[in-house]
Structure formats: structure tokens, C-alpha cells
Amino acid sequence: MNTATHALDPHGAHAAAPTGILRWLTTTNHKDIGTMYMTFSLLMFFVGGAMILAVRAELFQPGLQLMKPEFFNQLIGVHALVMIFAALMPAATGFANWMIPLMIGAPDMALPRLNNWGFWLLPPAAILLTLPFVLALFGIGDGAVATGWTLYAPLSVQGGIGVDFAIFAIHILGVSSIMGSINIIATILNMRAPGMTLMQMPLFCWGWLVTAVLLIITLPVLAGGVTMLLTDRHFGTHFFDAAGGGDPILFQHLFWFFGHPEVYILLLPVWGLMPHVLSTFTRKPIYGHTAQVWSFIAIGVLGLVVWAHHFLTAGLPVPALLYFMYSTMSISLPLAVLFFCWIATMWRGAMSFETPMLFAVGFIVL
């Protein structure tokens, strides 16, 4: 029950529902929270977009035009973290909040208060990512994280306070994503309409179910990696310091075990949305529903075991290189199933090319 609109006073009568900002702060309605996610996402999209516009302006001609190289590196690092964690992922989560209860016949998400909390962790994290820019104007620190979004050691071990801000922001963003994922899994498994089996569930819900599982598996590994980085920076440990017996390649393993599934975390909700758009604007049923479900699952599983293809020049043994090469190539098989199902959905359909359909066809061609 929505506590924002069904609050009871001590005497049992309905109290006045909160209005204005208080309503948005306390709402447990999945549509309100979905709208807040997408609004926040749009705002951060402009923030990250402004950063990369500055980068492109600097690159417009050879040489130095507008900024010092250190500031250029900071823009690249914060742009990437903002776009991934504060723009794209919240946009997908906003769609999930809006659509999943409607698609499976649920009255709301399974854990509405957790849903509200998951959103309100995002603004403080976004502030943490961008605050070092402001502090540097007052002579505090040397600006934001300048290591790129990968935070590679040993560069990040030696970086300024912007790295610490990024570490804490990643922790908060990770907690938000894990809470959202728990909510989505609980909703899908427990609140489907009577008679709706998992295999009858809409593909967007399947895309998000696999996404949520990937987030819960991989985000704690990233959290562990950046925590080890924090202790290397401030508490005398040597996890990633070769001089102290550590291994900088270990950080790459920990980071990319999250970083590669993150690609599918961003794509699976979109892949789940695609067949619905195509079916609507071709006026045909979705082709190959079951095949697409199993493709999502296969992509999720394979996406977890290919992470080291991101550092094939790091001196890994040849058998490892071969394994990561072949496992990476294997992902093209379930992905090809998805594309052929989408094309088959369009085949001989009564197509109309409204804007969503144009985007969908462009997505397939791209």
C-alpha cells in the first residue's frame, strides 16, 4: 500500500497525503520512483554530456587549447562514471520501476520503501563524484578522479583526493543498484499475476531479471577491489603495489569482473525492450520468445566469464588468452539469435515507422 497516499493518523482516519517535495521524498509508488529515476538520469546525462563536449572542444585541434592536461583527464574520468552509473543505469532502473509491475500484473514493487531509499542514494553519490571540481577552486585537493573510469593501479594508488571521492561514490552507487536488483528479483519471482509462468513473462522483465542477477554477483567484487585500493592508498597495504609483493594486474581482474558484465547490465534492459517495440509497430506477435529468453540467460552466464579479454596485452599465459578469446566469440551466438528473432518479428509485418520504430531499426542496423 502506498504510504504517501494511505497514511493513517493515530485515530484511524486518513491523514492528509504529503504534497510537494515531501511527497517525492517519501513516495513508495513505483511510478513516482520510476519518474524520479528518469528525471535524475536526464539531468546527469546533461552533466556528463557537458564534460565530454569540453573534451571534444579540446581535441578539436592539435595541441593545447582550453585546459591543462590534468583537467582533461579529470573530465574523461568523471564523464565516464557519471554516464554509466548516474545516467544510463538509473534510466534503465526508471523504466524497470515503471514497467515491470504493469507488465506482470503487480500492484507495486515488492519492497517499496527499499525502492525509495535506492533512489535517494543517487544524488549524494553524484555530488561526491563532482564535488572535487568545486573543492579544487578553493585550493582543496587537486581536482576530481583523473585515472579514467577504470581506476587502474598504480595510477589510482598515487592519485589525489578525487580518487577517494570516486571510491566512496562507487560504493554508494553500488548499494543503490544492489537494492534495486533485490527489489526487481523479489517482485518478478513473487508478484506475477496468477497463471503467469516465468516463460510467459514479457521479455523486458526477463532482460531485467538477468540484469539484476548480474548486478548482485558483480558489484560486490568491484566494491572489494576499490576498498583494497582505498587501503593501499591510506592504510599501508600493498594489494596492488609490486614493490610490496602485490600485483597491479589483480586490480584489473577485480575491476573487469564487474566491468565486462556491466556492458550487458546496460544492454540487456534495452534488448528486452526491443522486441516489444518491434512487435507493436509491425503489428505481429514477438517471434521466438522462448529462444530470446534462453539467449538472455546465455549472454548473462557467458558475460560473467570473459572479463580478461579487456587486458590481453597484460602478460597472461597463452592458454588463458585462448580461453578468453573463444569464450568471447561464443557470446556472438546467443546475440545472433536475438537479432534474427528481431528481424523475423519484422518480416512481412504491417510496419509503421513512428519514432520508436525508427530508433529500433537503427539499433538493429548499428
Protein backbone atom coordinates (compact mmCIF):
# COMPACT_ATOMS: atom_id res chain seq x y z
CA MET A 1 0.00 0.00 0.00
CA ASN A 2 1.31 3.43 -0.91
CA THR A 3 2.16 5.11 2.41
CA ALA A 4 2.24 8.51 0.72
CA THR A 5 -1.47 8.34 -0.07
CA HIS A 6 -2.79 5.93 2.58
CA ALA A 7 -1.15 7.26 5.74
CA LEU A 8 -3.30 6.79 8.86
CA ASP A 9 -3.35 9.18 11.77
CA PRO A 10 -3.36 7.80 15.37
CA HIS A 11 -7.18 7.92 15.46
CA GLY A 12 -7.58 5.71 12.40
CA ALA A 13 -8.76 8.39 9.97
CA HIS A 14 -6.87 9.07 6.76
CA ALA A 15 -4.29 11.79 7.25
CA ALA A 16 -3.67 14.35 4.54
CA ALA A 17 -1.31 12.98 1.90
CA PRO A 18 2.07 14.75 1.72
CA THR A 19 2.35 17.28 -1.07
CA GLY A 20 5.16 18.95 -2.97
CA ILE A 21 8.74 17.98 -2.21
CA LEU A 22 7.71 15.88 0.81
CA ARG A 23 5.61 13.68 -1.45
CA TRP A 24 8.60 12.94 -3.68
CA LEU A 25 10.91 12.39 -0.69
CA THR A 26 8.63 9.82 0.91
CA THR A 27 6.80 8.23 -2.01
CA THR A 28 6.74 4.46 -2.33
CA ASN A 29 4.73 4.49 -5.56
CA HIS A 30 6.64 2.66 -8.30
CA LYS A 31 5.57 5.14 -10.98
CA ASP A 32 6.72 8.15 -8.95
CA ILE A 33 10.06 6.49 -8.21
CA GLY A 34 10.46 5.50 -11.87
CA THR A 35 9.84 9.11 -12.86
CA MET A 36 12.42 10.32 -10.32
CA TYR A 37 15.00 7.85 -11.66
CA MET A 38 14.46 9.01 -15.24
CA THR A 39 14.48 12.70 -14.30
CA PHE A 40 17.74 12.25 -12.38
CA SER A 41 19.14 10.29 -15.31
CA LEU A 42 18.30 13.07 -17.76
CA LEU A 43 19.93 15.69 -15.51
CA MET A 44 23.12 13.64 -15.15
CA PHE A 45 23.10 12.96 -18.89
CA PHE A 46 23.45 16.70 -19.44
CA VAL A 47 26.19 16.92 -16.78
CA GLY A 48 28.18 14.10 -18.34
CA GLY A 49 27.46 15.44 -21.82
CA ALA A 50 28.82 18.87 -20.91
CA MET A 51 32.03 17.22 -19.72
CA ILE A 52 32.59 15.33 -22.94
CA LEU A 53 31.70 18.41 -25.00
CA ALA A 54 34.60 20.16 -23.25
CA VAL A 55 36.82 17.17 -24.08
CA ARG A 56 35.83 17.30 -27.76
CA ALA A 57 36.41 21.06 -27.84
CA GLU A 58 39.95 20.48 -26.54
CA LEU A 59 40.52 17.82 -29.19
CA PHE A 60 39.16 19.99 -31.99
CA GLN A 61 42.71 20.98 -32.98
CA PRO A 62 46.15 19.52 -32.18
CA GLY A 63 47.97 20.95 -29.17
CA LEU A 64 46.62 22.58 -26.01
CA GLN A 65 43.63 24.89 -26.48
CA LEU A 66 41.35 25.24 -23.48
CA MET A 67 42.64 23.34 -20.46
CA LYS A 68 45.58 21.73 -18.72
CA PRO A 69 46.14 18.01 -19.38
CA GLU A 70 45.33 17.16 -15.74
CA PHE A 71 41.89 18.76 -16.03
CA PHE A 72 41.33 17.00 -19.36
CA ASN A 73 42.00 13.64 -17.65
CA GLN A 74 39.61 14.52 -14.84
CA LEU A 75 36.84 15.34 -17.31
CA ILE A 76 37.28 11.97 -19.03
CA GLY A 77 37.22 10.00 -15.76
CA VAL A 78 34.21 11.73 -14.23
CA HIS A 79 32.34 11.80 -17.57
CA ALA A 80 32.55 8.01 -17.82
CA LEU A 81 31.50 7.36 -14.21
CA VAL A 82 28.62 9.87 -14.46
CA MET A 83 27.31 8.44 -17.74
CA ILE A 84 27.49 4.79 -16.66
CA PHE A 85 26.43 4.95 -13.02
CA ALA A 86 24.36 8.15 -12.87
CA ALA A 87 22.76 8.38 -16.33
CA LEU A 88 22.40 5.03 -18.12
CA MET A 89 21.82 2.70 -15.16
CA PRO A 90 19.26 4.99 -13.44
CA ALA A 91 17.43 5.38 -16.78
CA ALA A 92 17.12 1.59 -17.11
CA THR A 93 16.07 1.31 -13.45
CA GLY A 94 13.44 4.00 -14.01
CA PHE A 95 11.96 2.01 -16.89
CA ALA A 96 12.02 -1.11 -14.69
CA ASN A 97 10.16 0.67 -11.88
CA TRP A 98 7.54 1.98 -14.26
CA MET A 99 7.02 -1.07 -16.46
CA ILE A 100 7.69 -4.30 -14.54
CA PRO A 101 4.71 -4.08 -12.13
CA LEU A 102 2.42 -3.14 -15.03
CA MET A 103 3.75 -5.96 -17.22
CA ILE A 104 3.40 -8.73 -14.63
CA GLY A 105 0.17 -7.51 -13.05
CA ALA A 106 1.65 -6.49 -9.69
CA PRO A 107 0.19 -3.59 -7.65
CA ASP A 108 3.68 -2.20 -6.91
CA MET A 109 7.26 -3.34 -6.39
CA ALA A 110 7.76 -5.98 -3.71
CA LEU A 111 9.83 -3.71 -1.43
CA PRO A 112 8.52 -0.15 -1.90
CA ARG A 113 10.43 1.54 0.94
CA LEU A 114 13.69 -0.03 -0.24
CA ASN A 115 12.77 1.28 -3.69
CA ASN A 116 12.57 4.84 -2.35
CA TRP A 117 15.86 4.51 -0.46
CA GLY A 118 17.60 3.08 -3.52
CA PHE A 119 16.78 6.21 -5.48
CA TRP A 120 17.71 8.73 -2.79
CA LEU A 121 21.22 7.28 -2.53
CA LEU A 122 21.91 8.50 -6.07
CA PRO A 123 22.03 12.32 -5.57
CA PRO A 124 24.66 12.15 -2.77
CA ALA A 125 26.77 9.83 -4.92
CA ALA A 126 26.55 12.21 -7.88
CA ILE A 127 27.61 15.08 -5.60
CA LEU A 128 30.60 13.04 -4.39
CA LEU A 129 31.70 12.46 -7.99
CA THR A 130 31.58 16.14 -8.96
CA LEU A 131 32.43 17.88 -5.65
CA PRO A 132 36.25 17.65 -6.12
CA PHE A 133 35.94 20.06 -9.08
CA VAL A 134 34.42 22.63 -6.72
CA LEU A 135 36.90 21.95 -3.91
CA ALA A 136 39.81 22.49 -6.30
CA LEU A 137 38.54 26.02 -6.97
CA PHE A 138 39.09 26.74 -3.26
CA GLY A 139 42.55 25.16 -3.22
CA ILE A 140 41.44 21.90 -1.61
CA GLY A 141 42.85 18.88 -3.37
CA ASP A 142 43.88 18.68 -7.00
CA GLY A 143 40.52 18.03 -8.63
CA ALA A 144 38.43 15.01 -9.49
CA VAL A 145 39.50 11.47 -10.31
CA ALA A 146 41.97 11.61 -13.22
CA THR A 147 42.52 7.89 -13.86
CA GLY A 148 39.72 7.20 -16.34
CA TRP A 149 36.73 5.18 -15.17
CA THR A 150 38.90 2.04 -14.84
CA LEU A 151 40.84 3.45 -11.84
CA TYR A 152 43.88 1.36 -12.79
CA ALA A 153 46.62 0.84 -10.20
CA PRO A 154 49.29 2.08 -9.70
CA LEU A 155 48.00 5.39 -11.13
CA SER A 156 44.98 5.38 -8.81
CA VAL A 157 47.15 4.46 -5.79
CA GLN A 158 49.15 7.64 -6.33
CA GLY A 159 46.22 9.89 -7.36
CA GLY A 160 44.76 12.81 -5.41
CA ILE A 161 41.67 13.01 -3.22
CA GLY A 162 39.45 12.77 -6.31
CA VAL A 163 40.15 9.02 -6.29
CA ASP A 164 38.84 8.75 -2.71
CA PHE A 165 35.68 10.64 -3.66
CA ALA A 166 35.19 8.29 -6.62
CA ILE A 167 35.67 5.21 -4.41
CA PHE A 168 33.00 6.34 -1.95
CA ALA A 169 30.67 7.34 -4.79
CA ILE A 170 31.07 3.89 -6.36
CA HIS A 171 30.22 2.27 -3.02
CA ILE A 172 27.01 4.30 -2.67
CA LEU A 173 26.01 3.75 -6.31
CA GLY A 174 26.67 0.04 -5.88
CA VAL A 175 24.48 -0.18 -2.78
CA SER A 176 21.69 1.60 -4.70
CA SER A 177 21.97 -0.82 -7.64
CA ILE A 178 22.04 -3.89 -5.42
CA MET A 179 18.94 -2.75 -3.54
CA GLY A 180 17.15 -2.08 -6.83
CA SER A 181 18.17 -5.52 -8.09
CA ILE A 182 16.92 -7.29 -4.97
CA ASN A 183 13.62 -5.45 -5.38
CA ILE A 184 13.27 -6.43 -9.05
CA ILE A 185 14.05 -10.10 -8.40
CA ALA A 186 11.65 -10.23 -5.44
CA THR A 187 8.92 -8.57 -7.50
CA ILE A 188 9.32 -10.85 -10.51
CA LEU A 189 9.54 -14.08 -8.52
CA ASN A 190 6.74 -13.35 -6.03
CA MET A 191 4.25 -10.91 -7.57
CA ARG A 192 3.40 -12.16 -11.07
CA ALA A 193 -0.30 -12.34 -11.91
CA PRO A 194 -1.92 -15.72 -11.17
CA GLY A 195 -1.21 -18.13 -14.02
CA MET A 196 1.73 -16.19 -15.47
CA THR A 197 4.70 -18.57 -15.60
CA LEU A 198 8.24 -17.30 -15.94
CA MET A 199 8.32 -18.38 -19.59
CA GLN A 200 5.14 -16.37 -20.25
CA MET A 201 6.65 -13.24 -18.72
CA PRO A 202 7.33 -10.28 -21.07
CA LEU A 203 10.87 -10.09 -22.45
CA PHE A 204 11.60 -6.71 -20.86
CA CYS A 205 11.08 -8.35 -17.46
CA TRP A 206 13.40 -11.19 -18.48
CA GLY A 207 16.05 -8.73 -19.59
CA TRP A 208 15.91 -7.02 -16.22
CA LEU A 209 15.83 -10.29 -14.25
CA VAL A 210 19.14 -11.34 -15.82
CA THR A 211 20.50 -7.80 -15.33
CA ALA A 212 19.59 -7.84 -11.63
CA VAL A 213 21.35 -11.19 -11.10
CA LEU A 214 24.47 -9.85 -12.85
CA LEU A 215 24.48 -6.76 -10.63
CA ILE A 216 24.21 -8.78 -7.42
CA ILE A 217 27.04 -11.10 -8.50
CA THR A 218 29.49 -8.49 -9.79
CA LEU A 219 29.06 -5.29 -7.77
CA PRO A 220 30.44 -6.78 -4.50
CA VAL A 221 33.62 -7.71 -6.41
CA LEU A 222 34.03 -4.12 -7.61
CA ALA A 223 33.35 -2.90 -4.06
CA GLY A 224 36.05 -5.22 -2.75
CA GLY A 225 38.51 -4.00 -5.39
CA VAL A 226 38.01 -0.31 -4.69
CA THR A 227 38.15 -0.98 -0.92
CA MET A 228 41.53 -2.69 -1.39
CA LEU A 229 42.55 0.36 -3.42
CA LEU A 230 41.47 2.61 -0.56
CA THR A 231 43.55 0.64 1.96
CA ASP A 232 46.55 0.71 -0.40
CA ARG A 233 46.21 4.49 -0.55
CA HIS A 234 45.78 5.22 3.17
CA PHE A 235 46.39 2.21 5.41
CA GLY A 236 49.72 0.77 4.30
CA THR A 237 48.53 -2.33 2.47
CA HIS A 238 50.17 -3.48 -0.77
CA PHE A 239 47.47 -5.35 -2.69
CA PHE A 240 48.37 -3.64 -5.97
CA ASP A 241 51.94 -2.49 -5.21
CA ALA A 242 54.52 -4.76 -6.87
CA ALA A 243 57.29 -3.36 -4.63
CA GLY A 244 55.38 -4.59 -1.59
CA GLY A 245 54.57 -8.02 -3.03
CA GLY A 246 51.24 -7.01 -4.59
CA ASP A 247 50.08 -7.24 -8.19
CA PRO A 248 48.60 -4.38 -10.23
CA ILE A 249 47.08 -6.96 -12.61
CA LEU A 250 44.96 -8.19 -9.67
CA PHE A 251 43.12 -4.87 -9.75
CA GLN A 252 42.36 -5.36 -13.44
CA HIS A 253 40.85 -8.79 -12.69
CA LEU A 254 38.67 -7.39 -9.88
CA PHE A 255 37.61 -4.35 -11.87
CA TRP A 256 36.78 -6.13 -15.13
CA PHE A 257 34.92 -8.97 -13.43
CA PHE A 258 32.41 -6.20 -12.86
CA GLY A 259 33.33 -4.03 -15.84
CA HIS A 260 32.58 -6.55 -18.55
CA PRO A 261 29.19 -7.74 -17.21
CA GLU A 262 28.42 -4.03 -16.86
CA VAL A 263 28.24 -3.90 -20.66
CA TYR A 264 25.41 -6.43 -20.54
CA ILE A 265 23.87 -4.74 -17.49
CA LEU A 266 23.46 -1.66 -19.70
CA LEU A 267 22.34 -3.60 -22.79
CA LEU A 268 20.03 -6.35 -21.50
CA PRO A 269 17.20 -3.99 -20.47
CA VAL A 270 17.40 -2.41 -23.95
CA TRP A 271 17.47 -5.84 -25.63
CA GLY A 272 14.39 -6.71 -23.58
CA LEU A 273 12.66 -3.56 -24.76
CA MET A 274 13.46 -4.12 -28.45
CA PRO A 275 11.04 -6.99 -29.24
CA HIS A 276 8.14 -5.09 -27.61
CA VAL A 277 8.78 -2.04 -29.81
CA LEU A 278 9.17 -4.16 -32.95
CA SER A 279 6.04 -6.19 -32.20
CA THR A 280 3.98 -3.05 -31.62
CA PHE A 281 4.99 -1.27 -34.82
CA THR A 282 4.91 -4.36 -37.06
CA ARG A 283 1.53 -5.46 -35.65
CA LYS A 284 2.81 -9.00 -35.20
CA PRO A 285 3.48 -11.23 -32.18
CA ILE A 286 7.08 -11.40 -30.93
CA TYR A 287 8.95 -14.10 -32.83
CA GLY A 288 10.95 -16.63 -30.81
CA HIS A 289 10.01 -15.58 -27.28
CA THR A 290 11.49 -18.70 -25.65
CA ALA A 291 14.64 -18.53 -27.78
CA GLN A 292 15.19 -14.93 -26.71
CA VAL A 293 14.72 -15.83 -23.03
CA TRP A 294 17.40 -18.51 -23.25
CA SER A 295 19.64 -16.14 -25.20
CA PHE A 296 19.37 -13.59 -22.38
CA ILE A 297 20.35 -16.26 -19.86
CA ALA A 298 23.24 -17.49 -22.03
CA ILE A 299 24.52 -13.94 -22.53
CA GLY A 300 24.34 -13.36 -18.77
CA VAL A 301 26.30 -16.54 -17.98
CA LEU A 302 28.91 -16.04 -20.71
CA GLY A 303 29.25 -12.36 -19.84
CA LEU A 304 30.50 -13.37 -16.38
CA VAL A 305 33.39 -15.49 -17.67
CA VAL A 306 35.07 -13.33 -20.34
CA TRP A 307 36.39 -10.41 -18.29
CA ALA A 308 40.13 -10.76 -19.08
CA HIS A 309 39.66 -10.01 -22.77
CA HIS A 310 39.97 -6.40 -21.59
CA PHE A 311 43.68 -6.85 -20.87
CA LEU A 312 45.07 -9.24 -23.45
CA THR A 313 48.42 -7.37 -23.51
CA ALA A 314 49.00 -7.74 -19.76
CA GLY A 315 51.15 -10.85 -19.99
CA LEU A 316 48.56 -13.53 -19.30
CA PRO A 317 49.59 -17.11 -20.19
CA VAL A 318 48.68 -18.28 -23.69
CA PRO A 319 46.07 -20.88 -22.53
CA ALA A 320 44.26 -18.05 -20.69
CA LEU A 321 44.40 -15.87 -23.80
CA LEU A 322 42.89 -18.69 -25.88
CA TYR A 323 40.15 -19.35 -23.31
CA PHE A 324 39.13 -15.70 -23.14
CA MET A 325 39.23 -15.39 -26.93
CA TYR A 326 36.96 -18.40 -27.55
CA SER A 327 34.56 -17.58 -24.70
CA THR A 328 34.25 -14.03 -26.01
CA MET A 329 33.50 -15.22 -29.53
CA SER A 330 30.86 -17.61 -28.17
CA ILE A 331 28.71 -14.69 -26.98
CA SER A 332 28.05 -13.84 -30.63
CA LEU A 333 25.87 -17.00 -30.90
CA PRO A 334 23.06 -16.10 -28.44
CA LEU A 335 23.31 -12.50 -29.60
CA ALA A 336 22.79 -13.63 -33.20
CA VAL A 337 19.67 -15.50 -32.04
CA LEU A 338 18.32 -12.22 -30.65
CA PHE A 339 18.99 -10.32 -33.87
CA PHE A 340 17.44 -12.98 -36.11
CA CYS A 341 14.36 -13.10 -33.85
CA TRP A 342 14.02 -9.31 -34.10
CA ILE A 343 14.34 -9.40 -37.89
CA ALA A 344 11.85 -12.29 -38.04
CA THR A 345 9.43 -10.24 -35.93
CA MET A 346 9.58 -7.51 -38.57
CA TRP A 347 9.40 -9.93 -41.52
CA ARG A 348 6.19 -9.37 -43.55
CA GLY A 349 4.74 -7.25 -40.78
CA ALA A 350 2.44 -4.28 -41.32
CA MET A 351 5.16 -1.85 -40.33
CA SER A 352 4.68 1.80 -39.47
CA PHE A 353 7.75 3.91 -38.86
CA GLU A 354 6.93 6.10 -35.90
CA THR A 355 9.85 7.41 -33.86
CA PRO A 356 10.27 4.34 -31.57
CA MET A 357 10.33 2.04 -34.60
CA LEU A 358 12.92 4.23 -36.33
CA PHE A 359 15.14 4.00 -33.25
CA ALA A 360 14.62 0.22 -33.07
CA VAL A 361 15.52 -0.35 -36.72
CA GLY A 362 18.51 1.96 -36.35
CA PHE A 363 19.58 -0.03 -33.30
CA ILE A 364 19.50 -3.29 -35.27
CA VAL A 365 21.41 -1.82 -38.23
CA LEU A 366 24.03 -0.29 -35.93
